[in-house]
Amino acid sequence: MQGIPYEHGLILASILFAIGLVGVLTRRNIVFLLMSLEIMLNACGLAFIVASARWEQADGQVMFLMILTLAAAEVAVGLGLIIQLYRRYHTVDIDRLSEMKG
């Protein structure tokens, strides 16, 4: 049984990263911004997994576990900040929050 070619995995990772990057650059909602960052982190993790399968080493899988840990911490801190910003300013729009600096 043949596996997925390495090039296809890397192409998928680059497409996912590009989608996440476009989301980070164009969205103004903090929730969508965090979701785009998660997509970019998962794309990097996929690239590590594909490289690890290519060279038959476990290093890429270990890095993916570290990326998952980082993503979980980012979600926890990010959602806490979003809740506090929404309670204080009643919006999650980045443009409106930057205007409130004073």
PDB file of N, CA and C in Angstrom:
ATOM      1  N   MET A   1       0.844  -1.187   0.000  1.00  0.00           N
ATOM      2  CA  MET A   1       0.000   0.000   0.000  1.00  0.00           C
ATOM      3  C   MET A   1       0.882   1.240   0.000  1.00  0.00           C
ATOM      4  N   GLN A   2       0.633   2.112  -0.928  1.00  0.00           N
ATOM      5  CA  GLN A   2       1.410   3.336  -1.050  1.00  0.00           C
ATOM      6  C   GLN A   2       0.777   4.448  -0.217  1.00  0.00           C
ATOM      7  N   GLY A   3       1.642   5.295   0.369  1.00  0.00           N
ATOM      8  CA  GLY A   3       1.159   6.432   1.137  1.00  0.00           C
ATOM      9  C   GLY A   3       0.955   7.645   0.245  1.00  0.00           C
ATOM     10  N   ILE A   4       0.574   8.718   0.880  1.00  0.00           N
ATOM     11  CA  ILE A   4       0.392   9.970   0.158  1.00  0.00           C
ATOM     12  C   ILE A   4       1.771  10.516  -0.204  1.00  0.00           C
ATOM     13  N   PRO A   5       1.966  10.996  -1.428  1.00  0.00           N
ATOM     14  CA  PRO A   5       3.275  11.566  -1.798  1.00  0.00           C
ATOM     15  C   PRO A   5       3.610  12.769  -0.916  1.00  0.00           C
ATOM     16  N   TYR A   6       4.884  12.936  -0.643  1.00  0.00           N
ATOM     17  CA  TYR A   6       5.348  14.005   0.246  1.00  0.00           C
ATOM     18  C   TYR A   6       5.036  15.386  -0.325  1.00  0.00           C
ATOM     19  N   GLU A   7       5.118  15.493  -1.643  1.00  0.00           N
ATOM     20  CA  GLU A   7       4.839  16.782  -2.271  1.00  0.00           C
ATOM     21  C   GLU A   7       3.404  17.225  -2.023  1.00  0.00           C
ATOM     22  N   HIS A   8       2.476  16.267  -2.043  1.00  0.00           N
ATOM     23  CA  HIS A   8       1.074  16.599  -1.817  1.00  0.00           C
ATOM     24  C   HIS A   8       0.858  17.092  -0.385  1.00  0.00           C
ATOM     25  N   GLY A   9       1.521  16.459   0.553  1.00  0.00           N
ATOM     26  CA  GLY A   9       1.408  16.904   1.942  1.00  0.00           C
ATOM     27  C   GLY A   9       1.961  18.303   2.143  1.00  0.00           C
ATOM     28  N   LEU A  10       3.092  18.589   1.509  1.00  0.00           N
ATOM     29  CA  LEU A  10       3.674  19.928   1.636  1.00  0.00           C
ATOM     30  C   LEU A  10       2.844  20.979   0.904  1.00  0.00           C
ATOM     31  N   ILE A  11       2.251  20.605  -0.218  1.00  0.00           N
ATOM     32  CA  ILE A  11       1.373  21.536  -0.934  1.00  0.00           C
ATOM     33  C   ILE A  11       0.149  21.846  -0.079  1.00  0.00           C
ATOM     34  N   LEU A  12      -0.425  20.818   0.542  1.00  0.00           N
ATOM     35  CA  LEU A  12      -1.564  21.042   1.426  1.00  0.00           C
ATOM     36  C   LEU A  12      -1.192  21.939   2.598  1.00  0.00           C
ATOM     37  N   ALA A  13      -0.019  21.712   3.176  1.00  0.00           N
ATOM     38  CA  ALA A  13       0.436  22.546   4.295  1.00  0.00           C
ATOM     39  C   ALA A  13       0.622  23.993   3.847  1.00  0.00           C
ATOM     40  N   SER A  14       1.173  24.205   2.656  1.00  0.00           N
ATOM     41  CA  SER A  14       1.365  25.576   2.190  1.00  0.00           C
ATOM     42  C   SER A  14       0.044  26.255   1.864  1.00  0.00           C
ATOM     43  N   ILE A  15      -0.925  25.504   1.344  1.00  0.00           N
ATOM     44  CA  ILE A  15      -2.242  26.079   1.070  1.00  0.00           C
ATOM     45  C   ILE A  15      -2.930  26.461   2.378  1.00  0.00           C
ATOM     46  N   LEU A  16      -2.859  25.586   3.367  1.00  0.00           N
ATOM     47  CA  LEU A  16      -3.449  25.908   4.670  1.00  0.00           C
ATOM     48  C   LEU A  16      -2.783  27.126   5.301  1.00  0.00           C
ATOM     49  N   PHE A  17      -1.466  27.198   5.195  1.00  0.00           N
ATOM     50  CA  PHE A  17      -0.760  28.347   5.753  1.00  0.00           C
ATOM     51  C   PHE A  17      -1.172  29.630   5.036  1.00  0.00           C
ATOM     52  N   ALA A  18      -1.319  29.576   3.719  1.00  0.00           N
ATOM     53  CA  ALA A  18      -1.736  30.763   2.958  1.00  0.00           C
ATOM     54  C   ALA A  18      -3.151  31.194   3.336  1.00  0.00           C
ATOM     55  N   ILE A  19      -4.047  30.229   3.543  1.00  0.00           N
ATOM     56  CA  ILE A  19      -5.409  30.562   3.965  1.00  0.00           C
ATOM     57  C   ILE A  19      -5.388  31.238   5.331  1.00  0.00           C
ATOM     58  N   GLY A  20      -4.595  30.704   6.247  1.00  0.00           N
ATOM     59  CA  GLY A  20      -4.476  31.318   7.567  1.00  0.00           C
ATOM     60  C   GLY A  20      -3.878  32.704   7.499  1.00  0.00           C
ATOM     61  N   LEU A  21      -2.879  32.891   6.646  1.00  0.00           N
ATOM     62  CA  LEU A  21      -2.243  34.202   6.508  1.00  0.00           C
ATOM     63  C   LEU A  21      -3.214  35.231   5.945  1.00  0.00           C
ATOM     64  N   VAL A  22      -3.996  34.829   4.957  1.00  0.00           N
ATOM     65  CA  VAL A  22      -5.006  35.737   4.405  1.00  0.00           C
ATOM     66  C   VAL A  22      -6.029  36.097   5.481  1.00  0.00           C
ATOM     67  N   GLY A  23      -6.410  35.122   6.282  1.00  0.00           N
ATOM     68  CA  GLY A  23      -7.352  35.392   7.369  1.00  0.00           C
ATOM     69  C   GLY A  23      -6.790  36.354   8.398  1.00  0.00           C
ATOM     70  N   VAL A  24      -5.520  36.224   8.731  1.00  0.00           N
ATOM     71  CA  VAL A  24      -4.889  37.135   9.694  1.00  0.00           C
ATOM     72  C   VAL A  24      -4.806  38.546   9.126  1.00  0.00           C
ATOM     73  N   LEU A  25      -4.508  38.659   7.849  1.00  0.00           N
ATOM     74  CA  LEU A  25      -4.330  39.978   7.247  1.00  0.00           C
ATOM     75  C   LEU A  25      -5.638  40.689   6.928  1.00  0.00           C
ATOM     76  N   THR A  26      -6.735  39.953   6.720  1.00  0.00           N
ATOM     77  CA  THR A  26      -7.972  40.595   6.278  1.00  0.00           C
ATOM     78  C   THR A  26      -9.044  40.697   7.343  1.00  0.00           C
ATOM     79  N   ARG A  27      -9.076  39.817   8.308  1.00  0.00           N
ATOM     80  CA  ARG A  27     -10.155  39.817   9.292  1.00  0.00           C
ATOM     81  C   ARG A  27      -9.951  40.889  10.337  1.00  0.00           C
ATOM     82  N   ARG A  28     -11.044  41.412  10.852  1.00  0.00           N
ATOM     83  CA  ARG A  28     -10.998  42.426  11.896  1.00  0.00           C
ATOM     84  C   ARG A  28     -11.620  41.931  13.188  1.00  0.00           C
ATOM     85  N   ASN A  29     -12.149  40.726  13.197  1.00  0.00           N
ATOM     86  CA  ASN A  29     -12.731  40.149  14.393  1.00  0.00           C
ATOM     87  C   ASN A  29     -11.657  39.327  15.104  1.00  0.00           C
ATOM     88  N   ILE A  30     -11.522  39.498  16.405  1.00  0.00           N
ATOM     89  CA  ILE A  30     -10.460  38.825  17.145  1.00  0.00           C
ATOM     90  C   ILE A  30     -10.649  37.313  17.126  1.00  0.00           C
ATOM     91  N   VAL A  31     -11.888  36.845  17.160  1.00  0.00           N
ATOM     92  CA  VAL A  31     -12.133  35.400  17.149  1.00  0.00           C
ATOM     93  C   VAL A  31     -11.649  34.794  15.831  1.00  0.00           C
ATOM     94  N   PHE A  32     -11.954  35.435  14.707  1.00  0.00           N
ATOM     95  CA  PHE A  32     -11.492  34.934  13.412  1.00  0.00           C
ATOM     96  C   PHE A  32      -9.977  35.043  13.285  1.00  0.00           C
ATOM     97  N   LEU A  33      -9.411  36.043  13.899  1.00  0.00           N
ATOM     98  CA  LEU A  33      -7.957  36.194  13.891  1.00  0.00           C
ATOM     99  C   LEU A  33      -7.296  35.013  14.611  1.00  0.00           C
ATOM    100  N   LEU A  34      -7.831  34.637  15.764  1.00  0.00           N
ATOM    101  CA  LEU A  34      -7.287  33.481  16.486  1.00  0.00           C
ATOM    102  C   LEU A  34      -7.500  32.185  15.710  1.00  0.00           C
ATOM    103  N   MET A  35      -8.637  32.064  15.032  1.00  0.00           N
ATOM    104  CA  MET A  35      -8.868  30.866  14.224  1.00  0.00           C
ATOM    105  C   MET A  35      -7.879  30.782  13.071  1.00  0.00           C
ATOM    106  N   SER A  36      -7.562  31.912  12.477  1.00  0.00           N
ATOM    107  CA  SER A  36      -6.577  31.928  11.389  1.00  0.00           C
ATOM    108  C   SER A  36      -5.191  31.559  11.897  1.00  0.00           C
ATOM    109  N   LEU A  37      -4.855  32.025  13.090  1.00  0.00           N
ATOM    110  CA  LEU A  37      -3.574  31.630  13.688  1.00  0.00           C
ATOM    111  C   LEU A  37      -3.523  30.130  13.961  1.00  0.00           C
ATOM    112  N   GLU A  38      -4.638  29.554  14.369  1.00  0.00           N
ATOM    113  CA  GLU A  38      -4.692  28.106  14.586  1.00  0.00           C
ATOM    114  C   GLU A  38      -4.486  27.346  13.281  1.00  0.00           C
ATOM    115  N   ILE A  39      -5.069  27.845  12.205  1.00  0.00           N
ATOM    116  CA  ILE A  39      -4.887  27.203  10.895  1.00  0.00           C
ATOM    117  C   ILE A  39      -3.415  27.250  10.501  1.00  0.00           C
ATOM    118  N   MET A  40      -2.755  28.387  10.750  1.00  0.00           N
ATOM    119  CA  MET A  40      -1.335  28.503  10.410  1.00  0.00           C
ATOM    120  C   MET A  40      -0.491  27.558  11.260  1.00  0.00           C
ATOM    121  N   LEU A  41      -0.815  27.426  12.554  1.00  0.00           N
ATOM    122  CA  LEU A  41      -0.070  26.494  13.407  1.00  0.00           C
ATOM    123  C   LEU A  41      -0.275  25.049  12.950  1.00  0.00           C
ATOM    124  N   ASN A  42      -1.499  24.705  12.571  1.00  0.00           N
ATOM    125  CA  ASN A  42      -1.750  23.343  12.089  1.00  0.00           C
ATOM    126  C   ASN A  42      -1.041  23.070  10.769  1.00  0.00           C
ATOM    127  N   ALA A  43      -0.913  24.074   9.926  1.00  0.00           N
ATOM    128  CA  ALA A  43      -0.177  23.903   8.667  1.00  0.00           C
ATOM    129  C   ALA A  43       1.292  23.624   8.954  1.00  0.00           C
ATOM    130  N   CYS A  44       1.862  24.338   9.918  1.00  0.00           N
ATOM    131  CA  CYS A  44       3.259  24.077  10.295  1.00  0.00           C
ATOM    132  C   CYS A  44       3.414  22.675  10.878  1.00  0.00           C
ATOM    133  N   GLY A  45       2.452  22.272  11.681  1.00  0.00           N
ATOM    134  CA  GLY A  45       2.493  20.921  12.238  1.00  0.00           C
ATOM    135  C   GLY A  45       2.406  19.861  11.166  1.00  0.00           C
ATOM    136  N   LEU A  46       1.558  20.087  10.166  1.00  0.00           N
ATOM    137  CA  LEU A  46       1.450  19.139   9.058  1.00  0.00           C
ATOM    138  C   LEU A  46       2.754  19.050   8.283  1.00  0.00           C
ATOM    139  N   ALA A  47       3.421  20.185   8.089  1.00  0.00           N
ATOM    140  CA  ALA A  47       4.709  20.168   7.394  1.00  0.00           C
ATOM    141  C   ALA A  47       5.743  19.380   8.195  1.00  0.00           C
ATOM    142  N   PHE A  48       5.728  19.529   9.517  1.00  0.00           N
ATOM    143  CA  PHE A  48       6.647  18.742  10.350  1.00  0.00           C
ATOM    144  C   PHE A  48       6.351  17.250  10.248  1.00  0.00           C
ATOM    145  N   ILE A  49       5.082  16.877  10.236  1.00  0.00           N
ATOM    146  CA  ILE A  49       4.710  15.464  10.139  1.00  0.00           C
ATOM    147  C   ILE A  49       5.139  14.889   8.792  1.00  0.00           C
ATOM    148  N   VAL A  50       4.918  15.630   7.718  1.00  0.00           N
ATOM    149  CA  VAL A  50       5.310  15.161   6.382  1.00  0.00           C
ATOM    150  C   VAL A  50       6.826  15.001   6.301  1.00  0.00           C
ATOM    151  N   ALA A  51       7.567  15.974   6.840  1.00  0.00           N
ATOM    152  CA  ALA A  51       9.028  15.868   6.816  1.00  0.00           C
ATOM    153  C   ALA A  51       9.500  14.701   7.669  1.00  0.00           C
ATOM    154  N   SER A  52       8.839  14.474   8.781  1.00  0.00           N
ATOM    155  CA  SER A  52       9.226  13.357   9.643  1.00  0.00           C
ATOM    156  C   SER A  52       8.969  12.016   8.957  1.00  0.00           C
ATOM    157  N   ALA A  53       7.878  11.936   8.199  1.00  0.00           N
ATOM    158  CA  ALA A  53       7.604  10.701   7.460  1.00  0.00           C
ATOM    159  C   ALA A  53       8.590  10.520   6.312  1.00  0.00           C
ATOM    160  N   ARG A  54       9.009  11.619   5.712  1.00  0.00           N
ATOM    161  CA  ARG A  54       9.951  11.544   4.589  1.00  0.00           C
ATOM    162  C   ARG A  54      11.307  11.004   5.027  1.00  0.00           C
ATOM    163  N   TRP A  55      11.799  11.508   6.171  1.00  0.00           N
ATOM    164  CA  TRP A  55      13.119  11.087   6.639  1.00  0.00           C
ATOM    165  C   TRP A  55      13.065   9.981   7.679  1.00  0.00           C
ATOM    166  N   GLU A  56      11.866   9.466   7.920  1.00  0.00           N
ATOM    167  CA  GLU A  56      11.647   8.346   8.849  1.00  0.00           C
ATOM    168  C   GLU A  56      12.262   8.610  10.221  1.00  0.00           C
ATOM    169  N   GLN A  57      12.032   9.817  10.724  1.00  0.00           N
ATOM    170  CA  GLN A  57      12.484  10.218  12.057  1.00  0.00           C
ATOM    171  C   GLN A  57      11.260  10.644  12.864  1.00  0.00           C
ATOM    172  N   ALA A  58      11.354  10.553  14.175  1.00  0.00           N
ATOM    173  CA  ALA A  58      10.233  10.931  15.044  1.00  0.00           C
ATOM    174  C   ALA A  58      10.296  12.393  15.469  1.00  0.00           C
ATOM    175  N   ASP A  59      11.308  13.125  15.014  1.00  0.00           N
ATOM    176  CA  ASP A  59      11.469  14.515  15.448  1.00  0.00           C
ATOM    177  C   ASP A  59      10.292  15.392  15.038  1.00  0.00           C
ATOM    178  N   GLY A  60       9.756  15.184  13.861  1.00  0.00           N
ATOM    179  CA  GLY A  60       8.627  15.978  13.391  1.00  0.00           C
ATOM    180  C   GLY A  60       7.377  15.741  14.222  1.00  0.00           C
ATOM    181  N   GLN A  61       7.187  14.515  14.661  1.00  0.00           N
ATOM    182  CA  GLN A  61       6.030  14.208  15.495  1.00  0.00           C
ATOM    183  C   GLN A  61       6.166  14.841  16.879  1.00  0.00           C
ATOM    184  N   VAL A  62       7.373  14.885  17.402  1.00  0.00           N
ATOM    185  CA  VAL A  62       7.611  15.550  18.680  1.00  0.00           C
ATOM    186  C   VAL A  62       7.352  17.047  18.547  1.00  0.00           C
ATOM    187  N   MET A  63       7.799  17.639  17.452  1.00  0.00           N
ATOM    188  CA  MET A  63       7.546  19.061  17.220  1.00  0.00           C
ATOM    189  C   MET A  63       6.049  19.332  17.073  1.00  0.00           C
ATOM    190  N   PHE A  64       5.330  18.402  16.455  1.00  0.00           N
ATOM    191  CA  PHE A  64       3.889  18.577  16.313  1.00  0.00           C
ATOM    192  C   PHE A  64       3.210  18.567  17.679  1.00  0.00           C
ATOM    193  N   LEU A  65       3.660  17.718  18.582  1.00  0.00           N
ATOM    194  CA  LEU A  65       3.107  17.718  19.940  1.00  0.00           C
ATOM    195  C   LEU A  65       3.386  19.037  20.649  1.00  0.00           C
ATOM    196  N   MET A  66       4.560  19.608  20.416  1.00  0.00           N
ATOM    197  CA  MET A  66       4.861  20.909  21.001  1.00  0.00           C
ATOM    198  C   MET A  66       3.978  22.002  20.396  1.00  0.00           C
ATOM    199  N   ILE A  67       3.714  21.910  19.085  1.00  0.00           N
ATOM    200  CA  ILE A  67       2.839  22.873  18.427  1.00  0.00           C
ATOM    201  C   ILE A  67       1.420  22.763  18.985  1.00  0.00           C
ATOM    202  N   LEU A  68       0.944  21.539  19.220  1.00  0.00           N
ATOM    203  CA  LEU A  68      -0.383  21.364  19.798  1.00  0.00           C
ATOM    204  C   LEU A  68      -0.463  21.962  21.199  1.00  0.00           C
ATOM    205  N   THR A  69       0.600  21.803  21.976  1.00  0.00           N
ATOM    206  CA  THR A  69       0.636  22.391  23.317  1.00  0.00           C
ATOM    207  C   THR A  69       0.608  23.910  23.234  1.00  0.00           C
ATOM    208  N   LEU A  70       1.376  24.465  22.329  1.00  0.00           N
ATOM    209  CA  LEU A  70       1.389  25.912  22.136  1.00  0.00           C
ATOM    210  C   LEU A  70       0.022  26.410  21.678  1.00  0.00           C
ATOM    211  N   ALA A  71      -0.634  25.685  20.797  1.00  0.00           N
ATOM    212  CA  ALA A  71      -1.951  26.086  20.313  1.00  0.00           C
ATOM    213  C   ALA A  71      -2.986  26.057  21.438  1.00  0.00           C
ATOM    214  N   ALA A  72      -2.908  25.058  22.296  1.00  0.00           N
ATOM    215  CA  ALA A  72      -3.845  24.986  23.425  1.00  0.00           C
ATOM    216  C   ALA A  72      -3.640  26.157  24.377  1.00  0.00           C
ATOM    217  N   ALA A  73      -2.393  26.506  24.643  1.00  0.00           N
ATOM    218  CA  ALA A  73      -2.115  27.652  25.516  1.00  0.00           C
ATOM    219  C   ALA A  73      -2.582  28.947  24.864  1.00  0.00           C
ATOM    220  N   GLU A  74      -2.384  29.072  23.564  1.00  0.00           N
ATOM    221  CA  GLU A  74      -2.818  30.275  22.858  1.00  0.00           C
ATOM    222  C   GLU A  74      -4.328  30.425  22.911  1.00  0.00           C
ATOM    223  N   VAL A  75      -5.048  29.341  22.751  1.00  0.00           N
ATOM    224  CA  VAL A  75      -6.502  29.397  22.805  1.00  0.00           C
ATOM    225  C   VAL A  75      -6.974  29.795  24.195  1.00  0.00           C
ATOM    226  N   ALA A  76      -6.372  29.229  25.209  1.00  0.00           N
ATOM    227  CA  ALA A  76      -6.791  29.542  26.581  1.00  0.00           C
ATOM    228  C   ALA A  76      -6.563  31.018  26.904  1.00  0.00           C
ATOM    229  N   VAL A  77      -5.393  31.521  26.611  1.00  0.00           N
ATOM    230  CA  VAL A  77      -5.085  32.929  26.894  1.00  0.00           C
ATOM    231  C   VAL A  77      -5.885  33.850  25.979  1.00  0.00           C
ATOM    232  N   GLY A  78      -5.973  33.512  24.711  1.00  0.00           N
ATOM    233  CA  GLY A  78      -6.699  34.350  23.755  1.00  0.00           C
ATOM    234  C   GLY A  78      -8.176  34.465  24.079  1.00  0.00           C
ATOM    235  N   LEU A  79      -8.818  33.362  24.427  1.00  0.00           N
ATOM    236  CA  LEU A  79     -10.233  33.436  24.763  1.00  0.00           C
ATOM    237  C   LEU A  79     -10.464  34.201  26.055  1.00  0.00           C
ATOM    238  N   GLY A  80      -9.551  34.075  27.004  1.00  0.00           N
ATOM    239  CA  GLY A  80      -9.659  34.877  28.221  1.00  0.00           C
ATOM    240  C   GLY A  80      -9.572  36.364  27.920  1.00  0.00           C
ATOM    241  N   LEU A  81      -8.648  36.740  27.043  1.00  0.00           N
ATOM    242  CA  LEU A  81      -8.531  38.149  26.657  1.00  0.00           C
ATOM    243  C   LEU A  81      -9.760  38.632  25.890  1.00  0.00           C
ATOM    244  N   ILE A  82     -10.283  37.788  25.022  1.00  0.00           N
ATOM    245  CA  ILE A  82     -11.472  38.167  24.257  1.00  0.00           C
ATOM    246  C   ILE A  82     -12.657  38.400  25.193  1.00  0.00           C
ATOM    247  N   ILE A  83     -12.829  37.543  26.175  1.00  0.00           N
ATOM    248  CA  ILE A  83     -13.933  37.709  27.113  1.00  0.00           C
ATOM    249  C   ILE A  83     -13.788  39.017  27.891  1.00  0.00           C
ATOM    250  N   GLN A  84     -12.578  39.318  28.331  1.00  0.00           N
ATOM    251  CA  GLN A  84     -12.360  40.562  29.071  1.00  0.00           C
ATOM    252  C   GLN A  84     -12.586  41.789  28.185  1.00  0.00           C
ATOM    253  N   LEU A  85     -12.106  41.758  26.947  1.00  0.00           N
ATOM    254  CA  LEU A  85     -12.319  42.883  26.033  1.00  0.00           C
ATOM    255  C   LEU A  85     -13.795  43.069  25.722  1.00  0.00           C
ATOM    256  N   TYR A  86     -14.514  41.965  25.549  1.00  0.00           N
ATOM    257  CA  TYR A  86     -15.935  42.093  25.253  1.00  0.00           C
ATOM    258  C   TYR A  86     -16.699  42.642  26.451  1.00  0.00           C
ATOM    259  N   ARG A  87     -16.341  42.209  27.645  1.00  0.00           N
ATOM    260  CA  ARG A  87     -17.016  42.726  28.847  1.00  0.00           C
ATOM    261  C   ARG A  87     -16.758  44.221  29.030  1.00  0.00           C
ATOM    262  N   ARG A  88     -15.573  44.661  28.710  1.00  0.00           N
ATOM    263  CA  ARG A  88     -15.223  46.063  28.938  1.00  0.00           C
ATOM    264  C   ARG A  88     -15.736  46.977  27.825  1.00  0.00           C
ATOM    265  N   TYR A  89     -15.554  46.586  26.557  1.00  0.00           N
ATOM    266  CA  TYR A  89     -15.876  47.472  25.441  1.00  0.00           C
ATOM    267  C   TYR A  89     -17.102  47.045  24.633  1.00  0.00           C
ATOM    268  N   HIS A  90     -17.668  45.866  24.890  1.00  0.00           N
ATOM    269  CA  HIS A  90     -18.846  45.338  24.200  1.00  0.00           C
ATOM    270  C   HIS A  90     -18.625  45.195  22.696  1.00  0.00           C
ATOM    271  N   THR A  91     -17.416  44.871  22.299  1.00  0.00           N
ATOM    272  CA  THR A  91     -17.107  44.587  20.896  1.00  0.00           C
ATOM    273  C   THR A  91     -15.842  43.734  20.832  1.00  0.00           C
ATOM    274  N   VAL A  92     -15.707  43.004  19.716  1.00  0.00           N
ATOM    275  CA  VAL A  92     -14.481  42.244  19.464  1.00  0.00           C
ATOM    276  C   VAL A  92     -13.851  42.671  18.145  1.00  0.00           C
ATOM    277  N   ASP A  93     -14.233  43.843  17.661  1.00  0.00           N
ATOM    278  CA  ASP A  93     -13.688  44.386  16.418  1.00  0.00           C
ATOM    279  C   ASP A  93     -12.352  45.076  16.705  1.00  0.00           C
ATOM    280  N   ILE A  94     -11.313  44.670  16.011  1.00  0.00           N
ATOM    281  CA  ILE A  94      -9.969  45.184  16.269  1.00  0.00           C
ATOM    282  C   ILE A  94      -9.877  46.673  15.958  1.00  0.00           C
ATOM    283  N   ASP A  95     -10.519  47.120  14.885  1.00  0.00           N
ATOM    284  CA  ASP A  95     -10.454  48.536  14.518  1.00  0.00           C
ATOM    285  C   ASP A  95     -11.092  49.421  15.591  1.00  0.00           C
ATOM    286  N   ARG A  96     -12.213  49.014  16.128  1.00  0.00           N
ATOM    287  CA  ARG A  96     -12.871  49.818  17.163  1.00  0.00           C
ATOM    288  C   ARG A  96     -12.072  49.802  18.453  1.00  0.00           C
ATOM    289  N   LEU A  97     -11.406  48.695  18.748  1.00  0.00           N
ATOM    290  CA  LEU A  97     -10.596  48.633  19.969  1.00  0.00           C
ATOM    291  C   LEU A  97      -9.366  49.521  19.854  1.00  0.00           C
ATOM    292  N   SER A  98      -8.784  49.635  18.657  1.00  0.00           N
ATOM    293  CA  SER A  98      -7.602  50.470  18.502  1.00  0.00           C
ATOM    294  C   SER A  98      -7.959  51.964  18.547  1.00  0.00           C
ATOM    295  N   GLU A  99      -9.210  52.314  18.204  1.00  0.00           N
ATOM    296  CA  GLU A  99      -9.646  53.705  18.301  1.00  0.00           C
ATOM    297  C   GLU A  99      -9.868  54.150  19.735  1.00  0.00           C
ATOM    298  N   MET A 100     -10.054  53.223  20.662  1.00  0.00           N
ATOM    299  CA  MET A 100     -10.374  53.546  22.051  1.00  0.00           C
ATOM    300  C   MET A 100      -9.124  53.785  22.899  1.00  0.00           C
ATOM    301  N   LYS A 101      -7.974  53.927  22.293  1.00  0.00           N
ATOM    302  CA  LYS A 101      -6.747  54.068  23.062  1.00  0.00           C
ATOM    303  C   LYS A 101      -6.728  55.360  23.896  1.00  0.00           C
ATOM    304  N   GLY A 102      -7.199  56.439  23.387  1.00  0.00           N
ATOM    305  CA  GLY A 102      -7.245  57.663  24.187  1.00  0.00           C
ATOM    306  C   GLY A 102      -6.138  58.527  23.983  1.00  0.00           C
TER     307      GLY A 102
END
